[in-house]
Amino acid sequence: MSLALVGVVVAMASIQTGAAIGKSLFPAVGPAGATTLRLVFASLILAVVWRPWRHLPPRGAWRAILLYGAALGGMNLLFYMSLARIPLGVAVALEFTGPLAVAVAGSRRLLDWLFVAMAVVGVALLLPFHGAAEDLDLIGAGYALAAGACWAVYILFGQKSGAQVHGGAAAALGMIIASCVALPVGIAQAGADLLSWSLVPVALAVAVLSSALPYSLEMLALKRLPTQTFSILMSGEPALGALSGLIILGEHLTVSQWLAIGLVVAASAGSSLSAQRKASPEILT
């Protein structure tokens, strides 16, 4: 298995564990406040580690960097707002509609379409339009779907940013921009509570697990993996999210929801095997 694939798996496990822990901040500062703390601390960490001022992008690359960062901020903000209303695993599965759209747009082989179709069925089972999902909060589902749209933009412009700028520096710049997107909303919701020192340890842990570590790994992976491969591979996140929600938050899903997540995981595993068979030696080194 290539280092890029390993990096994506580690990033997924890290980000879902961090999201579960981040939900514990909601009673104190709300989802927007938790997003702000997460992104601000993550941007500081990435700035110290990668020192992006040493690898500033050329003038032509700033548009991609700005869109990447704005999408990152919107994705995190909307995702945390969805977590306040629906279970973690369900939120991630609905959010996957973004990467799924990228995968559909880039599909070229019949086998890839089969895996995409499996993921579509899984996501459809989670939507609140049938009896098994009637208890799902519609607003929370809407936030998750909107986060998915931001995720699609993040993938497309994240790859462009990583190709034009050093991967770590691009991630750091993107995180700083994402912080600027979330900060006004976080201040409006939480106000001075954001300055509470008692929240710092949890906020730091969430920043590392949910942002600094996984986004750095994803940025490096985006430089080595095709967009479609990266997008479908990331569909494994709902399973990790559901497990994190169950273990850390005690969120129990219905049989229908587990079945849906199982379909998404199967699509991810199949696409990973397909990607390995057709990948070039340059991608796998």
Protein backbone atom coordinates (compact mmCIF):
# COMPACT_ATOMS: atom_id res chain seq x y z
CA MET A 1 0.00 0.00 0.00
CA SER A 2 1.38 3.40 -0.92
CA LEU A 3 2.35 6.00 1.65
CA ALA A 4 -0.34 8.27 0.21
CA LEU A 5 -3.07 5.71 0.90
CA VAL A 6 -1.77 5.13 4.44
CA GLY A 7 -1.78 8.87 5.02
CA VAL A 8 -5.42 9.14 3.97
CA VAL A 9 -6.46 6.31 6.32
CA VAL A 10 -4.61 7.86 9.27
CA ALA A 11 -6.12 11.25 8.44
CA MET A 12 -9.65 9.81 8.42
CA ALA A 13 -9.23 8.07 11.78
CA SER A 14 -7.73 11.19 13.31
CA ILE A 15 -10.35 13.60 12.04
CA GLN A 16 -13.29 11.48 13.23
CA THR A 17 -11.80 10.97 16.68
CA GLY A 18 -11.21 14.70 16.92
CA ALA A 19 -14.76 15.45 15.77
CA ALA A 20 -16.18 13.22 18.49
CA ILE A 21 -14.06 14.95 21.13
CA GLY A 22 -14.90 18.36 19.64
CA LYS A 23 -18.60 17.75 20.24
CA SER A 24 -17.85 18.00 23.97
CA LEU A 25 -17.17 21.73 23.44
CA PHE A 26 -20.71 22.40 22.19
CA PRO A 27 -22.30 23.01 25.64
CA ALA A 28 -19.69 25.69 26.38
CA VAL A 29 -19.34 27.57 23.06
CA GLY A 30 -21.75 25.97 20.58
CA PRO A 31 -20.82 24.36 17.25
CA ALA A 32 -19.62 27.61 15.66
CA GLY A 33 -17.48 28.42 18.69
CA ALA A 34 -16.02 24.91 18.69
CA THR A 35 -15.22 25.25 14.98
CA THR A 36 -13.50 28.57 15.59
CA LEU A 37 -11.35 27.21 18.43
CA ARG A 38 -10.45 24.18 16.36
CA LEU A 39 -9.42 26.18 13.28
CA VAL A 40 -7.61 28.98 15.13
CA PHE A 41 -5.46 26.56 17.14
CA ALA A 42 -4.89 24.39 14.08
CA SER A 43 -3.76 27.38 12.02
CA LEU A 44 -1.29 28.39 14.74
CA ILE A 45 0.10 24.85 14.92
CA LEU A 46 0.45 24.54 11.15
CA ALA A 47 2.03 27.98 10.88
CA VAL A 48 4.70 27.00 13.43
CA VAL A 49 5.34 23.59 11.83
CA TRP A 50 5.31 24.54 8.15
CA ARG A 51 6.29 28.26 8.28
CA PRO A 52 4.28 29.10 5.14
CA TRP A 53 5.93 32.52 4.79
CA ARG A 54 8.98 30.63 3.52
CA HIS A 55 6.95 29.05 0.69
CA LEU A 56 4.56 31.80 -0.33
CA PRO A 57 2.59 30.88 -3.47
CA PRO A 58 3.17 32.65 -6.77
CA ARG A 59 0.64 35.28 -7.75
CA GLY A 60 -1.30 32.91 -9.99
CA ALA A 61 -1.78 30.36 -7.19
CA TRP A 62 -3.56 32.63 -4.72
CA ARG A 63 -7.01 32.11 -6.22
CA ALA A 64 -6.80 28.36 -5.65
CA ILE A 65 -5.43 28.89 -2.12
CA LEU A 66 -8.23 31.32 -1.21
CA LEU A 67 -10.96 29.02 -2.53
CA TYR A 68 -9.35 26.02 -0.81
CA GLY A 69 -9.24 27.87 2.52
CA ALA A 70 -12.76 29.27 2.21
CA ALA A 71 -14.10 25.81 1.39
CA LEU A 72 -12.21 24.37 4.34
CA GLY A 73 -13.74 26.93 6.70
CA GLY A 74 -17.25 26.45 5.36
CA MET A 75 -16.93 22.67 5.47
CA ASN A 76 -15.84 22.65 9.11
CA LEU A 77 -18.44 25.18 10.21
CA LEU A 78 -21.35 23.46 8.51
CA PHE A 79 -20.21 20.01 9.62
CA TYR A 80 -20.06 21.02 13.29
CA MET A 81 -23.49 22.64 12.98
CA SER A 82 -24.81 19.32 11.67
CA LEU A 83 -23.19 17.44 14.57
CA ALA A 84 -25.32 19.46 16.99
CA ARG A 85 -28.41 17.84 15.43
CA ILE A 86 -27.54 14.40 13.97
CA PRO A 87 -25.15 11.51 14.83
CA LEU A 88 -21.52 11.74 13.76
CA GLY A 89 -21.56 8.74 11.42
CA VAL A 90 -24.71 9.94 9.66
CA ALA A 91 -23.33 13.47 9.30
CA VAL A 92 -20.14 12.19 7.65
CA ALA A 93 -22.09 9.89 5.32
CA LEU A 94 -24.29 12.76 4.13
CA GLU A 95 -21.27 15.02 3.82
CA PHE A 96 -19.77 12.44 1.48
CA THR A 97 -22.12 13.63 -1.28
CA GLY A 98 -19.44 16.22 -2.08
CA PRO A 99 -16.59 13.80 -2.76
CA LEU A 100 -19.11 11.52 -4.47
CA ALA A 101 -19.96 14.30 -6.95
CA VAL A 102 -16.25 14.73 -7.67
CA ALA A 103 -15.92 10.97 -8.19
CA VAL A 104 -18.87 10.85 -10.60
CA ALA A 105 -17.48 13.74 -12.63
CA GLY A 106 -14.10 12.02 -12.96
CA SER A 107 -15.21 8.41 -13.56
CA ARG A 108 -13.91 6.68 -16.66
CA ARG A 109 -14.21 2.92 -15.96
CA LEU A 110 -17.39 0.85 -15.55
CA LEU A 111 -16.04 -0.68 -12.33
CA ASP A 112 -15.62 2.78 -10.82
CA TRP A 113 -19.25 3.55 -11.56
CA LEU A 114 -20.28 0.37 -9.73
CA PHE A 115 -18.51 1.54 -6.59
CA VAL A 116 -20.03 5.01 -6.93
CA ALA A 117 -23.50 3.45 -7.30
CA MET A 118 -22.98 1.49 -4.07
CA ALA A 119 -22.07 4.70 -2.28
CA VAL A 120 -25.12 6.47 -3.74
CA VAL A 121 -27.43 3.76 -2.39
CA GLY A 122 -25.78 4.03 1.02
CA VAL A 123 -26.20 7.80 1.16
CA ALA A 124 -29.81 7.53 -0.08
CA LEU A 125 -30.67 5.21 2.84
CA LEU A 126 -29.63 7.95 5.25
CA LEU A 127 -31.77 10.71 3.76
CA PRO A 128 -34.96 11.47 5.75
CA PHE A 129 -37.37 10.43 3.00
CA HIS A 130 -38.34 6.95 4.21
CA GLY A 131 -39.63 5.36 7.40
CA ALA A 132 -36.29 4.10 8.68
CA ALA A 133 -34.86 7.63 8.68
CA GLU A 134 -37.92 9.63 9.73
CA ASP A 135 -36.33 10.74 13.00
CA LEU A 136 -33.36 12.37 11.30
CA ASP A 137 -33.27 16.14 11.80
CA LEU A 138 -33.84 17.84 8.44
CA ILE A 139 -31.86 20.95 9.31
CA GLY A 140 -28.93 18.86 10.52
CA ALA A 141 -29.06 16.81 7.31
CA GLY A 142 -29.10 20.03 5.29
CA TYR A 143 -26.02 21.32 7.09
CA ALA A 144 -24.22 18.03 6.37
CA LEU A 145 -25.13 18.15 2.68
CA ALA A 146 -23.95 21.77 2.45
CA ALA A 147 -20.70 20.71 4.11
CA GLY A 148 -20.41 18.09 1.38
CA ALA A 149 -20.58 20.78 -1.28
CA CYS A 150 -17.73 22.60 0.46
CA TRP A 151 -15.83 19.31 0.66
CA ALA A 152 -16.02 18.94 -3.13
CA VAL A 153 -14.55 22.43 -3.59
CA TYR A 154 -11.89 21.60 -0.97
CA ILE A 155 -10.80 18.51 -2.92
CA LEU A 156 -10.63 20.26 -6.29
CA PHE A 157 -8.82 23.38 -5.17
CA GLY A 158 -6.79 21.56 -2.52
CA GLN A 159 -5.20 19.50 -5.25
CA LYS A 160 -4.49 22.62 -7.31
CA SER A 161 -3.01 24.37 -4.28
CA GLY A 162 -0.82 21.41 -3.40
CA ALA A 163 0.45 21.20 -6.96
CA GLN A 164 1.53 24.84 -7.00
CA VAL A 165 2.75 25.27 -3.42
CA HIS A 166 4.62 23.08 -0.94
CA GLY A 167 1.94 20.76 0.55
CA GLY A 168 2.47 21.74 4.19
CA ALA A 169 2.60 25.45 3.40
CA ALA A 170 -0.61 25.17 1.35
CA ALA A 171 -2.35 23.42 4.26
CA ALA A 172 -1.16 26.12 6.68
CA LEU A 173 -2.31 28.98 4.44
CA GLY A 174 -5.62 27.25 3.83
CA MET A 175 -6.16 26.80 7.57
CA ILE A 176 -5.46 30.48 8.26
CA ILE A 177 -8.03 31.47 5.64
CA ALA A 178 -10.50 28.92 7.07
CA SER A 179 -10.04 30.48 10.52
CA CYS A 180 -10.92 33.89 9.11
CA VAL A 181 -14.11 32.42 7.64
CA ALA A 182 -15.22 30.80 10.91
CA LEU A 183 -14.07 33.49 13.36
CA PRO A 184 -16.92 36.02 12.87
CA VAL A 185 -19.55 33.29 13.22
CA GLY A 186 -17.85 31.84 16.28
CA ILE A 187 -17.62 35.24 17.97
CA ALA A 188 -21.27 35.94 17.21
CA GLN A 189 -22.32 32.65 18.83
CA ALA A 190 -19.93 32.29 21.77
CA GLY A 191 -18.53 35.78 22.39
CA ALA A 192 -16.10 36.06 25.30
CA ASP A 193 -16.57 32.38 26.17
CA LEU A 194 -14.05 31.62 23.43
CA LEU A 195 -11.35 33.12 25.67
CA SER A 196 -11.91 30.67 28.53
CA TRP A 197 -8.59 29.04 29.51
CA SER A 198 -10.40 25.90 30.67
CA LEU A 199 -11.24 25.10 27.04
CA VAL A 200 -7.65 25.29 25.79
CA PRO A 201 -6.59 21.64 26.44
CA VAL A 202 -9.61 20.17 24.65
CA ALA A 203 -9.41 22.75 21.85
CA LEU A 204 -5.74 21.93 21.28
CA ALA A 205 -6.45 18.19 21.15
CA VAL A 206 -9.28 18.74 18.68
CA ALA A 207 -7.13 21.08 16.58
CA VAL A 208 -4.36 18.49 16.26
CA LEU A 209 -6.62 15.47 15.68
CA SER A 210 -9.26 17.11 13.50
CA SER A 211 -7.28 19.68 11.54
CA ALA A 212 -3.51 20.04 11.85
CA LEU A 213 -2.58 16.36 11.42
CA PRO A 214 -5.24 15.12 8.96
CA TYR A 215 -5.26 18.13 6.64
CA SER A 216 -1.48 18.03 6.36
CA LEU A 217 -1.63 14.33 5.48
CA GLU A 218 -4.48 14.91 3.02
CA MET A 219 -2.64 17.75 1.31
CA LEU A 220 0.40 15.52 0.80
CA ALA A 221 -1.84 12.67 -0.41
CA LEU A 222 -3.64 14.95 -2.89
CA LYS A 223 -0.29 15.52 -4.62
CA ARG A 224 0.17 11.75 -5.16
CA LEU A 225 -3.35 10.41 -5.74
CA PRO A 226 -5.79 11.13 -8.57
CA THR A 227 -8.74 13.28 -7.48
CA GLN A 228 -11.23 10.47 -8.11
CA THR A 229 -9.22 7.92 -6.13
CA PHE A 230 -8.88 10.30 -3.18
CA SER A 231 -12.58 11.18 -3.27
CA ILE A 232 -13.93 7.64 -3.23
CA LEU A 233 -11.33 6.44 -0.73
CA MET A 234 -12.48 9.09 1.71
CA SER A 235 -15.89 7.39 1.79
CA GLY A 236 -14.51 5.21 4.56
CA GLU A 237 -14.98 8.16 6.92
CA PRO A 238 -18.64 7.38 7.77
CA ALA A 239 -17.64 4.04 9.29
CA LEU A 240 -14.90 5.62 11.36
CA GLY A 241 -17.27 8.43 12.30
CA ALA A 242 -19.97 5.97 13.38
CA LEU A 243 -17.47 4.00 15.48
CA SER A 244 -16.10 7.17 17.06
CA GLY A 245 -19.62 8.34 17.79
CA LEU A 246 -20.53 5.00 19.34
CA ILE A 247 -17.39 4.61 21.46
CA ILE A 248 -16.81 8.22 22.52
CA LEU A 249 -20.30 9.73 22.40
CA GLY A 250 -22.54 6.69 22.90
CA GLU A 251 -24.45 7.39 19.65
CA HIS A 252 -26.37 4.27 18.59
CA LEU A 253 -27.46 4.03 14.96
CA THR A 254 -30.37 2.12 13.45
CA VAL A 255 -29.96 -1.05 11.38
CA SER A 256 -30.76 0.95 8.24
CA GLN A 257 -28.08 3.50 9.07
CA TRP A 258 -25.46 0.81 9.69
CA LEU A 259 -26.44 -0.85 6.41
CA ALA A 260 -26.01 2.45 4.60
CA ILE A 261 -22.59 3.01 6.14
CA GLY A 262 -21.63 -0.57 5.26
CA LEU A 263 -22.42 0.10 1.61
CA VAL A 264 -20.28 3.24 1.66
CA VAL A 265 -17.40 1.34 3.27
CA ALA A 266 -17.69 -1.46 0.68
CA ALA A 267 -17.54 1.12 -2.10
CA SER A 268 -14.45 2.63 -0.51
CA ALA A 269 -12.69 -0.73 -0.15
CA GLY A 270 -13.50 -1.71 -3.73
CA SER A 271 -12.31 1.58 -5.14
CA SER A 272 -9.07 1.31 -3.17
CA LEU A 273 -8.34 -2.11 -4.68
CA SER A 274 -9.24 -0.81 -8.14
CA ALA A 275 -6.98 2.19 -7.67
CA GLN A 276 -4.05 -0.03 -6.68
CA ARG A 277 -4.46 -2.20 -9.76
CA LYS A 278 -4.53 0.70 -12.20
CA ALA A 279 -2.11 3.07 -10.43
CA SER A 280 1.22 3.95 -11.96
CA PRO A 281 4.53 3.23 -10.16
CA GLU A 282 4.97 6.97 -9.52
CA ILE A 283 1.77 7.11 -7.47
CA LEU A 284 2.68 4.06 -5.42
CA THR A 285 6.15 5.20 -4.36
